[in-house]
Full PDB file with SEQRES, HELIX, SHEET, SSBOND, CRYST1, ORIGX, SCALE, CONECT and MASTER records, all heavy atoms in Angstrom:
SEQRES   1 A   42  ARG GLY ARG PHE VAL ILE SER GLY ASP ASN ALA LYS ASN          
SEQRES   2 A   42  THR VAL SER LEU GLN MET ASN SER LEU LYS PRO GLU ASP          
SEQRES   3 A   42  THR ALA VAL TYR TYR CYS LYS HIS GLN THR TYR ARG SER          
SEQRES   4 A   42  TYR TRP GLY                                                  
HELIX    1 AA1 PRO A   24  ASP A   26  5                                   3    
SHEET    1 AA1 2 PHE A   4  ASP A   9  0                                        
SHEET    2 AA1 2 THR A  14  MET A  19 -1                                        
SHEET    1 AA2 2 LYS A  33  GLN A  35  0                                        
SHEET    2 AA2 2 SER A  39  TRP A  41 -1                                        
CRYST1    1.000    1.000    1.000  90.00  90.00  90.00 P 1           1          
ORIGX1      1.000000  0.000000  0.000000        0.00000                         
ORIGX2      0.000000  1.000000  0.000000        0.00000                         
ORIGX3      0.000000  0.000000  1.000000        0.00000                         
SCALE1      1.000000  0.000000  0.000000        0.00000                         
SCALE2      0.000000  1.000000  0.000000        0.00000                         
SCALE3      0.000000  0.000000  1.000000        0.00000                         
ATOM      1  N   ARG A   1       0.862  -1.238  -0.013  1.00  0.00           N  
ATOM      2  CA  ARG A   1       0.046   0.020   0.024  1.00  0.00           C  
ATOM      3  C   ARG A   1       0.907   1.237  -0.027  1.00  0.00           C  
ATOM      4  O   ARG A   1       1.862   1.354   0.722  1.00  0.00           O  
ATOM      5  CB  ARG A   1      -0.959  -0.053   1.226  1.00  0.00           C  
ATOM      6  CG  ARG A   1      -1.932   1.128   1.192  1.00  0.00           C  
ATOM      7  CD  ARG A   1      -2.975   1.024   2.327  1.00  0.00           C  
ATOM      8  NE  ARG A   1      -3.780  -0.207   2.238  1.00  0.00           N  
ATOM      9  CZ  ARG A   1      -3.674  -1.224   3.019  1.00  0.00           C  
ATOM     10  NH1 ARG A   1      -2.804  -1.196   3.980  1.00  0.00           N  
ATOM     11  NH2 ARG A   1      -4.484  -2.284   2.878  1.00  0.00           N  
ATOM     12  N   GLY A   2       0.548   2.151  -0.785  1.00  0.00           N  
ATOM     13  CA  GLY A   2       1.336   3.367  -1.016  1.00  0.00           C  
ATOM     14  C   GLY A   2       2.450   3.255  -2.041  1.00  0.00           C  
ATOM     15  O   GLY A   2       3.002   4.304  -2.443  1.00  0.00           O  
ATOM     16  N   ARG A   3       2.748   2.090  -2.471  1.00  0.00           N  
ATOM     17  CA  ARG A   3       3.827   1.917  -3.534  1.00  0.00           C  
ATOM     18  C   ARG A   3       3.225   1.348  -4.803  1.00  0.00           C  
ATOM     19  O   ARG A   3       3.723   1.702  -5.884  1.00  0.00           O  
ATOM     20  CB  ARG A   3       4.857   0.933  -2.972  1.00  0.00           C  
ATOM     21  CG  ARG A   3       5.503   1.366  -1.754  1.00  0.00           C  
ATOM     22  CD  ARG A   3       6.731   0.525  -1.367  1.00  0.00           C  
ATOM     23  NE  ARG A   3       6.339  -0.871  -1.065  1.00  0.00           N  
ATOM     24  CZ  ARG A   3       6.793  -1.988  -1.712  1.00  0.00           C  
ATOM     25  NH1 ARG A   3       7.539  -1.877  -2.742  1.00  0.00           N  
ATOM     26  NH2 ARG A   3       6.347  -3.167  -1.342  1.00  0.00           N  
ATOM     27  N   PHE A   4       2.209   0.568  -4.774  1.00  0.00           N  
ATOM     28  CA  PHE A   4       1.648  -0.120  -5.944  1.00  0.00           C  
ATOM     29  C   PHE A   4       0.222   0.527  -6.141  1.00  0.00           C  
ATOM     30  O   PHE A   4      -0.496   0.899  -5.285  1.00  0.00           O  
ATOM     31  CB  PHE A   4       1.420  -1.591  -5.747  1.00  0.00           C  
ATOM     32  CG  PHE A   4       2.692  -2.390  -5.604  1.00  0.00           C  
ATOM     33  CD1 PHE A   4       3.958  -1.780  -5.540  1.00  0.00           C  
ATOM     34  CD2 PHE A   4       2.632  -3.842  -5.608  1.00  0.00           C  
ATOM     35  CE1 PHE A   4       5.062  -2.510  -5.503  1.00  0.00           C  
ATOM     36  CE2 PHE A   4       3.809  -4.506  -5.600  1.00  0.00           C  
ATOM     37  CZ  PHE A   4       5.024  -3.911  -5.502  1.00  0.00           C  
ATOM     38  N   VAL A   5      -0.107   0.573  -7.407  1.00  0.00           N  
ATOM     39  CA  VAL A   5      -1.386   1.120  -7.815  1.00  0.00           C  
ATOM     40  C   VAL A   5      -2.041   0.144  -8.878  1.00  0.00           C  
ATOM     41  O   VAL A   5      -1.413  -0.143  -9.922  1.00  0.00           O  
ATOM     42  CB  VAL A   5      -1.351   2.521  -8.425  1.00  0.00           C  
ATOM     43  CG1 VAL A   5      -2.727   2.977  -8.883  1.00  0.00           C  
ATOM     44  CG2 VAL A   5      -0.743   3.499  -7.428  1.00  0.00           C  
ATOM     45  N   ILE A   6      -3.267  -0.362  -8.592  1.00  0.00           N  
ATOM     46  CA  ILE A   6      -3.934  -1.180  -9.556  1.00  0.00           C  
ATOM     47  C   ILE A   6      -4.913  -0.383 -10.261  1.00  0.00           C  
ATOM     48  O   ILE A   6      -5.562   0.448  -9.761  1.00  0.00           O  
ATOM     49  CB  ILE A   6      -4.634  -2.379  -8.838  1.00  0.00           C  
ATOM     50  CG1 ILE A   6      -5.092  -3.463  -9.729  1.00  0.00           C  
ATOM     51  CG2 ILE A   6      -5.708  -1.907  -7.864  1.00  0.00           C  
ATOM     52  CD1 ILE A   6      -5.620  -4.709  -9.080  1.00  0.00           C  
ATOM     53  N   SER A   7      -5.120  -0.696 -11.574  1.00  0.00           N  
ATOM     54  CA  SER A   7      -6.083  -0.104 -12.378  1.00  0.00           C  
ATOM     55  C   SER A   7      -6.737  -1.132 -13.283  1.00  0.00           C  
ATOM     56  O   SER A   7      -6.078  -2.136 -13.679  1.00  0.00           O  
ATOM     57  CB  SER A   7      -5.512   1.061 -13.242  1.00  0.00           C  
ATOM     58  OG  SER A   7      -4.453   0.594 -14.040  1.00  0.00           O  
ATOM     59  N   GLY A   8      -7.886  -0.871 -13.690  1.00  0.00           N  
ATOM     60  CA  GLY A   8      -8.576  -1.872 -14.561  1.00  0.00           C  
ATOM     61  C   GLY A   8      -9.545  -1.184 -15.546  1.00  0.00           C  
ATOM     62  O   GLY A   8      -9.961  -0.085 -15.381  1.00  0.00           O  
ATOM     63  N   ASP A   9      -9.725  -1.916 -16.674  1.00  0.00           N  
ATOM     64  CA  ASP A   9     -10.608  -1.435 -17.771  1.00  0.00           C  
ATOM     65  C   ASP A   9     -11.554  -2.468 -17.902  1.00  0.00           C  
ATOM     66  O   ASP A   9     -11.352  -3.583 -18.538  1.00  0.00           O  
ATOM     67  CB  ASP A   9      -9.731  -1.290 -18.981  1.00  0.00           C  
ATOM     68  CG  ASP A   9     -10.573  -0.633 -20.181  1.00  0.00           C  
ATOM     69  OD1 ASP A   9     -11.738  -0.880 -20.313  1.00  0.00           O  
ATOM     70  OD2 ASP A   9      -9.977   0.132 -20.968  1.00  0.00           O  
ATOM     71  N   ASN A  10     -12.836  -2.237 -17.497  1.00  0.00           N  
ATOM     72  CA  ASN A  10     -13.888  -3.168 -17.557  1.00  0.00           C  
ATOM     73  C   ASN A  10     -14.362  -3.542 -18.969  1.00  0.00           C  
ATOM     74  O   ASN A  10     -14.752  -4.550 -19.329  1.00  0.00           O  
ATOM     75  CB  ASN A  10     -15.163  -2.711 -16.792  1.00  0.00           C  
ATOM     76  CG  ASN A  10     -14.875  -2.626 -15.276  1.00  0.00           C  
ATOM     77  OD1 ASN A  10     -14.123  -3.441 -14.785  1.00  0.00           O  
ATOM     78  ND2 ASN A  10     -15.528  -1.721 -14.626  1.00  0.00           N  
ATOM     79  N   ALA A  11     -14.245  -2.539 -19.842  1.00  0.00           N  
ATOM     80  CA  ALA A  11     -14.541  -2.701 -21.288  1.00  0.00           C  
ATOM     81  C   ALA A  11     -13.690  -3.672 -21.919  1.00  0.00           C  
ATOM     82  O   ALA A  11     -14.109  -4.412 -22.829  1.00  0.00           O  
ATOM     83  CB  ALA A  11     -14.708  -1.362 -22.001  1.00  0.00           C  
ATOM     84  N   LYS A  12     -12.390  -3.612 -21.597  1.00  0.00           N  
ATOM     85  CA  LYS A  12     -11.365  -4.419 -22.268  1.00  0.00           C  
ATOM     86  C   LYS A  12     -10.959  -5.629 -21.462  1.00  0.00           C  
ATOM     87  O   LYS A  12     -10.167  -6.424 -21.928  1.00  0.00           O  
ATOM     88  CB  LYS A  12     -10.114  -3.579 -22.581  1.00  0.00           C  
ATOM     89  CG  LYS A  12     -10.425  -2.428 -23.571  1.00  0.00           C  
ATOM     90  CD  LYS A  12      -9.190  -1.631 -23.769  1.00  0.00           C  
ATOM     91  CE  LYS A  12      -9.346  -0.494 -24.712  1.00  0.00           C  
ATOM     92  NZ  LYS A  12      -8.133   0.253 -25.008  1.00  0.00           N  
ATOM     93  N   ASN A  13     -11.528  -5.736 -20.250  1.00  0.00           N  
ATOM     94  CA  ASN A  13     -11.159  -6.855 -19.300  1.00  0.00           C  
ATOM     95  C   ASN A  13      -9.629  -6.924 -19.082  1.00  0.00           C  
ATOM     96  O   ASN A  13      -9.051  -7.987 -19.047  1.00  0.00           O  
ATOM     97  CB  ASN A  13     -11.679  -8.215 -19.878  1.00  0.00           C  
ATOM     98  CG  ASN A  13     -13.183  -8.261 -19.782  1.00  0.00           C  
ATOM     99  OD1 ASN A  13     -13.837  -7.563 -19.038  1.00  0.00           O  
ATOM    100  ND2 ASN A  13     -13.810  -9.108 -20.541  1.00  0.00           N  
ATOM    101  N   THR A  14      -9.018  -5.691 -18.975  1.00  0.00           N  
ATOM    102  CA  THR A  14      -7.646  -5.666 -18.704  1.00  0.00           C  
ATOM    103  C   THR A  14      -7.431  -5.068 -17.232  1.00  0.00           C  
ATOM    104  O   THR A  14      -8.174  -4.293 -16.789  1.00  0.00           O  
ATOM    105  CB  THR A  14      -6.864  -4.826 -19.702  1.00  0.00           C  
ATOM    106  OG1 THR A  14      -7.386  -3.556 -19.677  1.00  0.00           O  
ATOM    107  CG2 THR A  14      -7.006  -5.486 -21.055  1.00  0.00           C  
ATOM    108  N   VAL A  15      -6.285  -5.530 -16.668  1.00  0.00           N  
ATOM    109  CA  VAL A  15      -5.924  -5.021 -15.350  1.00  0.00           C  
ATOM    110  C   VAL A  15      -4.395  -4.739 -15.404  1.00  0.00           C  
ATOM    111  O   VAL A  15      -3.641  -5.562 -15.942  1.00  0.00           O  
ATOM    112  CB  VAL A  15      -6.285  -5.999 -14.247  1.00  0.00           C  
ATOM    113  CG1 VAL A  15      -5.722  -7.352 -14.318  1.00  0.00           C  
ATOM    114  CG2 VAL A  15      -6.104  -5.330 -12.915  1.00  0.00           C  
ATOM    115  N   SER A  16      -4.010  -3.702 -14.793  1.00  0.00           N  
ATOM    116  CA  SER A  16      -2.549  -3.340 -14.646  1.00  0.00           C  
ATOM    117  C   SER A  16      -2.152  -3.112 -13.275  1.00  0.00           C  
ATOM    118  O   SER A  16      -2.975  -2.821 -12.383  1.00  0.00           O  
ATOM    119  CB  SER A  16      -2.237  -2.063 -15.533  1.00  0.00           C  
ATOM    120  OG  SER A  16      -2.558  -2.307 -16.829  1.00  0.00           O  
ATOM    121  N   LEU A  17      -0.848  -3.256 -12.990  1.00  0.00           N  
ATOM    122  CA  LEU A  17      -0.303  -2.953 -11.719  1.00  0.00           C  
ATOM    123  C   LEU A  17       0.948  -2.143 -11.835  1.00  0.00           C  
ATOM    124  O   LEU A  17       1.979  -2.602 -12.336  1.00  0.00           O  
ATOM    125  CB  LEU A  17       0.007  -4.303 -10.954  1.00  0.00           C  
ATOM    126  CG  LEU A  17       0.460  -4.103  -9.525  1.00  0.00           C  
ATOM    127  CD1 LEU A  17      -0.712  -3.658  -8.577  1.00  0.00           C  
ATOM    128  CD2 LEU A  17       1.008  -5.506  -8.972  1.00  0.00           C  
ATOM    129  N   GLN A  18       0.871  -0.832 -11.329  1.00  0.00           N  
ATOM    130  CA  GLN A  18       2.082  -0.014 -11.393  1.00  0.00           C  
ATOM    131  C   GLN A  18       2.827  -0.249 -10.114  1.00  0.00           C  
ATOM    132  O   GLN A  18       2.166   0.006  -8.929  1.00  0.00           O  
ATOM    133  CB  GLN A  18       1.612   1.423 -11.536  1.00  0.00           C  
ATOM    134  CG  GLN A  18       2.780   2.416 -11.458  1.00  0.00           C  
ATOM    135  CD  GLN A  18       3.708   2.273 -12.651  1.00  0.00           C  
ATOM    136  OE1 GLN A  18       3.295   2.047 -13.825  1.00  0.00           O  
ATOM    137  NE2 GLN A  18       5.051   2.333 -12.378  1.00  0.00           N  
ATOM    138  N   MET A  19       4.018  -0.685 -10.193  1.00  0.00           N  
ATOM    139  CA  MET A  19       4.814  -1.011  -8.941  1.00  0.00           C  
ATOM    140  C   MET A  19       5.934  -0.035  -8.860  1.00  0.00           C  
ATOM    141  O   MET A  19       6.800   0.031  -9.726  1.00  0.00           O  
ATOM    142  CB  MET A  19       5.324  -2.412  -8.984  1.00  0.00           C  
ATOM    143  CG  MET A  19       4.207  -3.438  -9.276  1.00  0.00           C  
ATOM    144  SD  MET A  19       4.798  -5.158  -9.127  1.00  0.00           S  
ATOM    145  CE  MET A  19       5.888  -5.190 -10.543  1.00  0.00           C  
ATOM    146  N   ASN A  20       5.912   0.868  -7.761  1.00  0.00           N  
ATOM    147  CA  ASN A  20       6.914   1.822  -7.543  1.00  0.00           C  
ATOM    148  C   ASN A  20       7.760   1.499  -6.305  1.00  0.00           C  
ATOM    149  O   ASN A  20       7.297   0.697  -5.467  1.00  0.00           O  
ATOM    150  CB  ASN A  20       6.333   3.185  -7.429  1.00  0.00           C  
ATOM    151  CG  ASN A  20       5.535   3.582  -8.705  1.00  0.00           C  
ATOM    152  OD1 ASN A  20       5.999   3.359  -9.792  1.00  0.00           O  
ATOM    153  ND2 ASN A  20       4.389   4.191  -8.441  1.00  0.00           N  
ATOM    154  N   SER A  21       8.858   2.102  -6.180  1.00  0.00           N  
ATOM    155  CA  SER A  21       9.648   1.950  -4.941  1.00  0.00           C  
ATOM    156  C   SER A  21       9.926   0.457  -4.624  1.00  0.00           C  
ATOM    157  O   SER A  21       9.639   0.030  -3.487  1.00  0.00           O  
ATOM    158  CB  SER A  21       9.093   2.664  -3.737  1.00  0.00           C  
ATOM    159  OG  SER A  21       8.982   3.994  -4.097  1.00  0.00           O  
ATOM    160  N   LEU A  22      10.237  -0.299  -5.573  1.00  0.00           N  
ATOM    161  CA  LEU A  22      10.326  -1.772  -5.435  1.00  0.00           C  
ATOM    162  C   LEU A  22      11.417  -2.175  -4.413  1.00  0.00           C  
ATOM    163  O   LEU A  22      12.484  -1.516  -4.383  1.00  0.00           O  
ATOM    164  CB  LEU A  22      10.491  -2.412  -6.791  1.00  0.00           C  
ATOM    165  CG  LEU A  22       9.232  -2.519  -7.634  1.00  0.00           C  
ATOM    166  CD1 LEU A  22       9.601  -2.849  -9.147  1.00  0.00           C  
ATOM    167  CD2 LEU A  22       8.316  -3.687  -7.137  1.00  0.00           C  
ATOM    168  N   LYS A  23      11.141  -3.239  -3.665  1.00  0.00           N  
ATOM    169  CA  LYS A  23      12.057  -3.732  -2.721  1.00  0.00           C  
ATOM    170  C   LYS A  23      12.442  -5.230  -3.085  1.00  0.00           C  
ATOM    171  O   LYS A  23      11.671  -5.835  -3.700  1.00  0.00           O  
ATOM    172  CB  LYS A  23      11.387  -3.641  -1.293  1.00  0.00           C  
ATOM    173  CG  LYS A  23      10.923  -2.360  -0.925  1.00  0.00           C  
ATOM    174  CD  LYS A  23      10.193  -2.456   0.399  1.00  0.00           C  
ATOM    175  CE  LYS A  23       9.578  -1.134   0.843  1.00  0.00           C  
ATOM    176  NZ  LYS A  23       8.875  -1.215   2.213  1.00  0.00           N  
ATOM    177  N   PRO A  24      13.568  -5.652  -2.638  1.00  0.00           N  
ATOM    178  CA  PRO A  24      13.942  -7.045  -2.854  1.00  0.00           C  
ATOM    179  C   PRO A  24      12.884  -8.061  -2.363  1.00  0.00           C  
ATOM    180  O   PRO A  24      12.672  -9.051  -3.006  1.00  0.00           O  
ATOM    181  CB  PRO A  24      15.258  -7.194  -2.088  1.00  0.00           C  
ATOM    182  CG  PRO A  24      15.848  -5.829  -2.077  1.00  0.00           C  
ATOM    183  CD  PRO A  24      14.697  -4.873  -1.931  1.00  0.00           C  
ATOM    184  N   GLU A  25      12.177  -7.717  -1.360  1.00  0.00           N  
ATOM    185  CA  GLU A  25      11.156  -8.584  -0.813  1.00  0.00           C  
ATOM    186  C   GLU A  25       9.880  -8.657  -1.783  1.00  0.00           C  
ATOM    187  O   GLU A  25       8.975  -9.422  -1.521  1.00  0.00           O  
ATOM    188  CB  GLU A  25      10.782  -8.316   0.625  1.00  0.00           C  
ATOM    189  CG  GLU A  25      10.381  -6.802   0.784  1.00  0.00           C  
ATOM    190  CD  GLU A  25      11.580  -6.003   1.317  1.00  0.00           C  
ATOM    191  OE1 GLU A  25      12.688  -6.271   0.818  1.00  0.00           O  
ATOM    192  OE2 GLU A  25      11.360  -5.188   2.272  1.00  0.00           O  
ATOM    193  N   ASP A  26       9.823  -7.805  -2.752  1.00  0.00           N  
ATOM    194  CA  ASP A  26       8.785  -7.835  -3.764  1.00  0.00           C  
ATOM    195  C   ASP A  26       9.045  -8.979  -4.870  1.00  0.00           C  
ATOM    196  O   ASP A  26       8.208  -9.259  -5.712  1.00  0.00           O  
ATOM    197  CB  ASP A  26       8.589  -6.532  -4.482  1.00  0.00           C  
ATOM    198  CG  ASP A  26       8.032  -5.483  -3.570  1.00  0.00           C  
ATOM    199  OD1 ASP A  26       7.161  -5.678  -2.704  1.00  0.00           O  
ATOM    200  OD2 ASP A  26       8.577  -4.252  -3.652  1.00  0.00           O  
ATOM    201  N   THR A  27      10.216  -9.507  -4.793  1.00  0.00           N  
ATOM    202  CA  THR A  27      10.622 -10.562  -5.794  1.00  0.00           C  
ATOM    203  C   THR A  27       9.627 -11.712  -5.658  1.00  0.00           C  
ATOM    204  O   THR A  27       9.447 -12.312  -4.633  1.00  0.00           O  
ATOM    205  CB  THR A  27      12.069 -11.011  -5.538  1.00  0.00           C  
ATOM    206  OG1 THR A  27      12.955  -9.955  -5.784  1.00  0.00           O  
ATOM    207  CG2 THR A  27      12.380 -12.179  -6.463  1.00  0.00           C  
ATOM    208  N   ALA A  28       9.047 -12.047  -6.779  1.00  0.00           N  
ATOM    209  CA  ALA A  28       8.072 -13.176  -6.796  1.00  0.00           C  
ATOM    210  C   ALA A  28       7.584 -13.414  -8.196  1.00  0.00           C  
ATOM    211  O   ALA A  28       7.919 -12.578  -9.061  1.00  0.00           O  
ATOM    212  CB  ALA A  28       6.906 -12.868  -5.911  1.00  0.00           C  
ATOM    213  N   VAL A  29       6.826 -14.415  -8.445  1.00  0.00           N  
ATOM    214  CA  VAL A  29       6.056 -14.620  -9.631  1.00  0.00           C  
ATOM    215  C   VAL A  29       4.656 -13.984  -9.426  1.00  0.00           C  
ATOM    216  O   VAL A  29       4.012 -14.311  -8.476  1.00  0.00           O  
ATOM    217  CB  VAL A  29       5.933 -16.119  -9.981  1.00  0.00           C  
ATOM    218  CG1 VAL A  29       4.960 -16.181 -11.356  1.00  0.00           C  
ATOM    219  CG2 VAL A  29       7.247 -16.751 -10.272  1.00  0.00           C  
ATOM    220  N   TYR A  30       4.392 -13.055 -10.331  1.00  0.00           N  
ATOM    221  CA  TYR A  30       3.070 -12.342 -10.160  1.00  0.00           C  
ATOM    222  C   TYR A  30       2.016 -12.836 -11.112  1.00  0.00           C  
ATOM    223  O   TYR A  30       2.346 -13.105 -12.343  1.00  0.00           O  
ATOM    224  CB  TYR A  30       3.267 -10.851 -10.452  1.00  0.00           C  
ATOM    225  CG  TYR A  30       3.977 -10.092  -9.382  1.00  0.00           C  
ATOM    226  CD1 TYR A  30       5.337 -10.377  -8.994  1.00  0.00           C  
ATOM    227  CD2 TYR A  30       3.228  -9.193  -8.556  1.00  0.00           C  
ATOM    228  CE1 TYR A  30       5.925  -9.784  -7.949  1.00  0.00           C  
ATOM    229  CE2 TYR A  30       3.857  -8.550  -7.522  1.00  0.00           C  
ATOM    230  CZ  TYR A  30       5.215  -8.852  -7.253  1.00  0.00           C  
ATOM    231  OH  TYR A  30       5.843  -8.211  -6.150  1.00  0.00           O  
ATOM    232  N   TYR A  31       0.874 -13.154 -10.594  1.00  0.00           N  
ATOM    233  CA  TYR A  31      -0.218 -13.675 -11.362  1.00  0.00           C  
ATOM    234  C   TYR A  31      -1.442 -12.795 -11.410  1.00  0.00           C  
ATOM    235  O   TYR A  31      -1.763 -12.230 -10.327  1.00  0.00           O  
ATOM    236  CB  TYR A  31      -0.669 -15.085 -10.718  1.00  0.00           C  
ATOM    237  CG  TYR A  31       0.281 -16.082 -10.663  1.00  0.00           C  
ATOM    238  CD1 TYR A  31       1.249 -16.206  -9.494  1.00  0.00           C  
ATOM    239  CD2 TYR A  31       0.445 -17.096 -11.664  1.00  0.00           C  
ATOM    240  CE1 TYR A  31       2.198 -17.248  -9.418  1.00  0.00           C  
ATOM    241  CE2 TYR A  31       1.386 -18.092 -11.451  1.00  0.00           C  
ATOM    242  CZ  TYR A  31       2.222 -18.098 -10.429  1.00  0.00           C  
ATOM    243  OH  TYR A  31       3.162 -19.129 -10.297  1.00  0.00           O  
ATOM    244  N   CYS A  32      -2.061 -12.691 -12.538  1.00  0.00           N  
ATOM    245  CA  CYS A  32      -3.341 -11.904 -12.590  1.00  0.00           C  
ATOM    246  C   CYS A  32      -4.526 -12.888 -12.453  1.00  0.00           C  
ATOM    247  O   CYS A  32      -4.389 -14.086 -12.838  1.00  0.00           O  
ATOM    248  CB  CYS A  32      -3.424 -11.031 -13.819  1.00  0.00           C  
ATOM    249  SG  CYS A  32      -3.730 -11.894 -15.297  1.00  0.00           S  
ATOM    250  N   LYS A  33      -5.603 -12.473 -11.973  1.00  0.00           N  
ATOM    251  CA  LYS A  33      -6.760 -13.177 -11.781  1.00  0.00           C  
ATOM    252  C   LYS A  33      -7.989 -12.392 -12.112  1.00  0.00           C  
ATOM    253  O   LYS A  33      -8.110 -11.219 -11.737  1.00  0.00           O  
ATOM    254  CB  LYS A  33      -6.897 -13.693 -10.294  1.00  0.00           C  
ATOM    255  CG  LYS A  33      -8.169 -14.363  -9.892  1.00  0.00           C  
ATOM    256  CD  LYS A  33      -8.146 -14.624  -8.434  1.00  0.00           C  
ATOM    257  CE  LYS A  33      -9.524 -15.017  -7.965  1.00  0.00           C  
ATOM    258  NZ  LYS A  33      -9.490 -15.141  -6.449  1.00  0.00           N  
ATOM    259  N   HIS A  34      -8.973 -12.964 -12.889  1.00  0.00           N  
ATOM    260  CA  HIS A  34     -10.232 -12.435 -13.181  1.00  0.00           C  
ATOM    261  C   HIS A  34     -11.275 -13.288 -12.523  1.00  0.00           C  
ATOM    262  O   HIS A  34     -11.173 -14.568 -12.623  1.00  0.00           O  
ATOM    263  CB  HIS A  34     -10.500 -12.356 -14.727  1.00  0.00           C  
ATOM    264  CG  HIS A  34      -9.767 -11.360 -15.427  1.00  0.00           C  
ATOM    265  ND1 HIS A  34      -8.644 -10.770 -14.981  1.00  0.00           N  
ATOM    266  CD2 HIS A  34      -9.989 -10.854 -16.652  1.00  0.00           C  
ATOM    267  CE1 HIS A  34      -8.129  -9.895 -15.850  1.00  0.00           C  
ATOM    268  NE2 HIS A  34      -8.987  -9.976 -16.861  1.00  0.00           N  
ATOM    269  N   GLN A  35     -12.154 -12.692 -11.784  1.00  0.00           N  
ATOM    270  CA  GLN A  35     -13.134 -13.397 -10.920  1.00  0.00           C  
ATOM    271  C   GLN A  35     -14.539 -13.267 -11.587  1.00  0.00           C  
ATOM    272  O   GLN A  35     -14.996 -12.107 -11.781  1.00  0.00           O  
ATOM    273  CB  GLN A  35     -13.116 -12.970  -9.489  1.00  0.00           C  
ATOM    274  CG  GLN A  35     -14.059 -13.759  -8.650  1.00  0.00           C  
ATOM    275  CD  GLN A  35     -13.588 -15.181  -8.561  1.00  0.00           C  
ATOM    276  OE1 GLN A  35     -12.379 -15.377  -8.213  1.00  0.00           O  
ATOM    277  NE2 GLN A  35     -14.453 -16.131  -8.709  1.00  0.00           N  
ATOM    278  N   THR A  36     -15.135 -14.399 -12.000  1.00  0.00           N  
ATOM    279  CA  THR A  36     -16.546 -14.349 -12.333  1.00  0.00           C  
ATOM    280  C   THR A  36     -17.189 -15.360 -11.405  1.00  0.00           C  
ATOM    281  O   THR A  36     -16.906 -15.318 -10.220  1.00  0.00           O  
ATOM    282  CB  THR A  36     -16.737 -14.799 -13.798  1.00  0.00           C  
ATOM    283  OG1 THR A  36     -16.327 -16.091 -13.980  1.00  0.00           O  
ATOM    284  CG2 THR A  36     -15.929 -13.936 -14.686  1.00  0.00           C  
ATOM    285  N   TYR A  37     -18.061 -16.240 -11.877  1.00  0.00           N  
ATOM    286  CA  TYR A  37     -18.500 -17.253 -11.015  1.00  0.00           C  
ATOM    287  C   TYR A  37     -17.396 -18.367 -10.721  1.00  0.00           C  
ATOM    288  O   TYR A  37     -17.518 -19.189  -9.891  1.00  0.00           O  
ATOM    289  CB  TYR A  37     -19.690 -17.987 -11.774  1.00  0.00           C  
ATOM    290  CG  TYR A  37     -19.269 -18.854 -12.990  1.00  0.00           C  
ATOM    291  CD1 TYR A  37     -19.034 -20.195 -12.811  1.00  0.00           C  
ATOM    292  CD2 TYR A  37     -19.191 -18.297 -14.240  1.00  0.00           C  
ATOM    293  CE1 TYR A  37     -18.656 -20.947 -13.918  1.00  0.00           C  
ATOM    294  CE2 TYR A  37     -18.802 -18.966 -15.316  1.00  0.00           C  
ATOM    295  CZ  TYR A  37     -18.503 -20.244 -15.113  1.00  0.00           C  
ATOM    296  OH  TYR A  37     -18.155 -21.042 -16.197  1.00  0.00           O  
ATOM    297  N   ARG A  38     -16.311 -18.201 -11.487  1.00  0.00           N  
ATOM    298  CA  ARG A  38     -15.186 -18.949 -11.253  1.00  0.00           C  
ATOM    299  C   ARG A  38     -13.939 -18.074 -11.447  1.00  0.00           C  
ATOM    300  O   ARG A  38     -14.066 -16.907 -11.813  1.00  0.00           O  
ATOM    301  CB  ARG A  38     -15.056 -20.097 -12.328  1.00  0.00           C  
ATOM    302  CG  ARG A  38     -15.128 -19.622 -13.792  1.00  0.00           C  
ATOM    303  CD  ARG A  38     -14.487 -20.632 -14.778  1.00  0.00           C  
ATOM    304  NE  ARG A  38     -13.015 -20.604 -14.766  1.00  0.00           N  
ATOM    305  CZ  ARG A  38     -12.267 -21.271 -15.427  1.00  0.00           C  
ATOM    306  NH1 ARG A  38     -12.835 -22.122 -16.434  1.00  0.00           N  
ATOM    307  NH2 ARG A  38     -10.965 -21.309 -15.357  1.00  0.00           N  
ATOM    308  N   SER A  39     -12.732 -18.586 -11.145  1.00  0.00           N  
ATOM    309  CA  SER A  39     -11.500 -17.754 -11.281  1.00  0.00           C  
ATOM    310  C   SER A  39     -10.740 -18.154 -12.542  1.00  0.00           C  
ATOM    311  O   SER A  39     -10.611 -19.345 -12.820  1.00  0.00           O  
ATOM    312  CB  SER A  39     -10.627 -18.082  -9.974  1.00  0.00           C  
ATOM    313  OG  SER A  39     -11.337 -17.750  -8.773  1.00  0.00           O  
ATOM    314  N   TYR A  40     -10.247 -17.206 -13.184  1.00  0.00           N  
ATOM    315  CA  TYR A  40      -9.326 -17.368 -14.297  1.00  0.00           C  
ATOM    316  C   TYR A  40      -7.938 -16.810 -13.918  1.00  0.00           C  
ATOM    317  O   TYR A  40      -7.896 -15.641 -13.343  1.00  0.00           O  
ATOM    318  CB  TYR A  40      -9.828 -16.554 -15.475  1.00  0.00           C  
ATOM    319  CG  TYR A  40     -11.146 -17.094 -16.097  1.00  0.00           C  
ATOM    320  CD1 TYR A  40     -12.335 -16.614 -15.581  1.00  0.00           C  
ATOM    321  CD2 TYR A  40     -11.158 -17.997 -17.075  1.00  0.00           C  
ATOM    322  CE1 TYR A  40     -13.541 -16.937 -16.193  1.00  0.00           C  
ATOM    323  CE2 TYR A  40     -12.392 -18.424 -17.603  1.00  0.00           C  
ATOM    324  CZ  TYR A  40     -13.532 -17.932 -17.158  1.00  0.00           C  
ATOM    325  OH  TYR A  40     -14.741 -18.382 -17.680  1.00  0.00           O  
ATOM    326  N   TRP A  41      -6.901 -17.546 -14.152  1.00  0.00           N  
ATOM    327  CA  TRP A  41      -5.571 -17.188 -13.685  1.00  0.00           C  
ATOM    328  C   TRP A  41      -4.605 -17.066 -14.923  1.00  0.00           C  
ATOM    329  O   TRP A  41      -4.841 -17.902 -15.948  1.00  0.00           O  
ATOM    330  CB  TRP A  41      -4.992 -18.275 -12.781  1.00  0.00           C  
ATOM    331  CG  TRP A  41      -5.610 -18.273 -11.407  1.00  0.00           C  
ATOM    332  CD1 TRP A  41      -6.679 -19.065 -10.981  1.00  0.00           C  
ATOM    333  CD2 TRP A  41      -5.186 -17.516 -10.267  1.00  0.00           C  
ATOM    334  NE1 TRP A  41      -6.999 -18.764  -9.736  1.00  0.00           N  
ATOM    335  CE2 TRP A  41      -6.102 -17.808  -9.232  1.00  0.00           C  
ATOM    336  CE3 TRP A  41      -4.229 -16.525 -10.078  1.00  0.00           C  
ATOM    337  CZ2 TRP A  41      -5.927 -17.290  -7.899  1.00  0.00           C  
ATOM    338  CZ3 TRP A  41      -4.127 -15.960  -8.721  1.00  0.00           C  
ATOM    339  CH2 TRP A  41      -5.012 -16.400  -7.757  1.00  0.00           C  
ATOM    340  N   GLY A  42      -3.762 -16.170 -14.831  1.00  0.00           N  
ATOM    341  CA  GLY A  42      -2.679 -16.083 -15.860  1.00  0.00           C  
ATOM    342  C   GLY A  42      -1.561 -17.035 -15.483  1.00  0.00           C  
ATOM    343  O   GLY A  42      -1.581 -17.685 -14.555  1.00  0.00           O  
TER     344      GLY A  42                                                      
MASTER        0    0    0    1    4    0    0    6  343    1    0    4          
END                                                                             
C-alpha cells in the first residue's frame, strides 16, 4: 500500500499494476486473476 497502484478497464477486461519503490522482498512470480462465477488465472 502506497507503492503499488492497480487499475482496470472493464470494457477491455484488462488489469494493470504499477509498482513503484520496489524492494527485494517484492521478488516473486506475479499472477493476474479475473473473478466471475469462477476464477481465471494467468
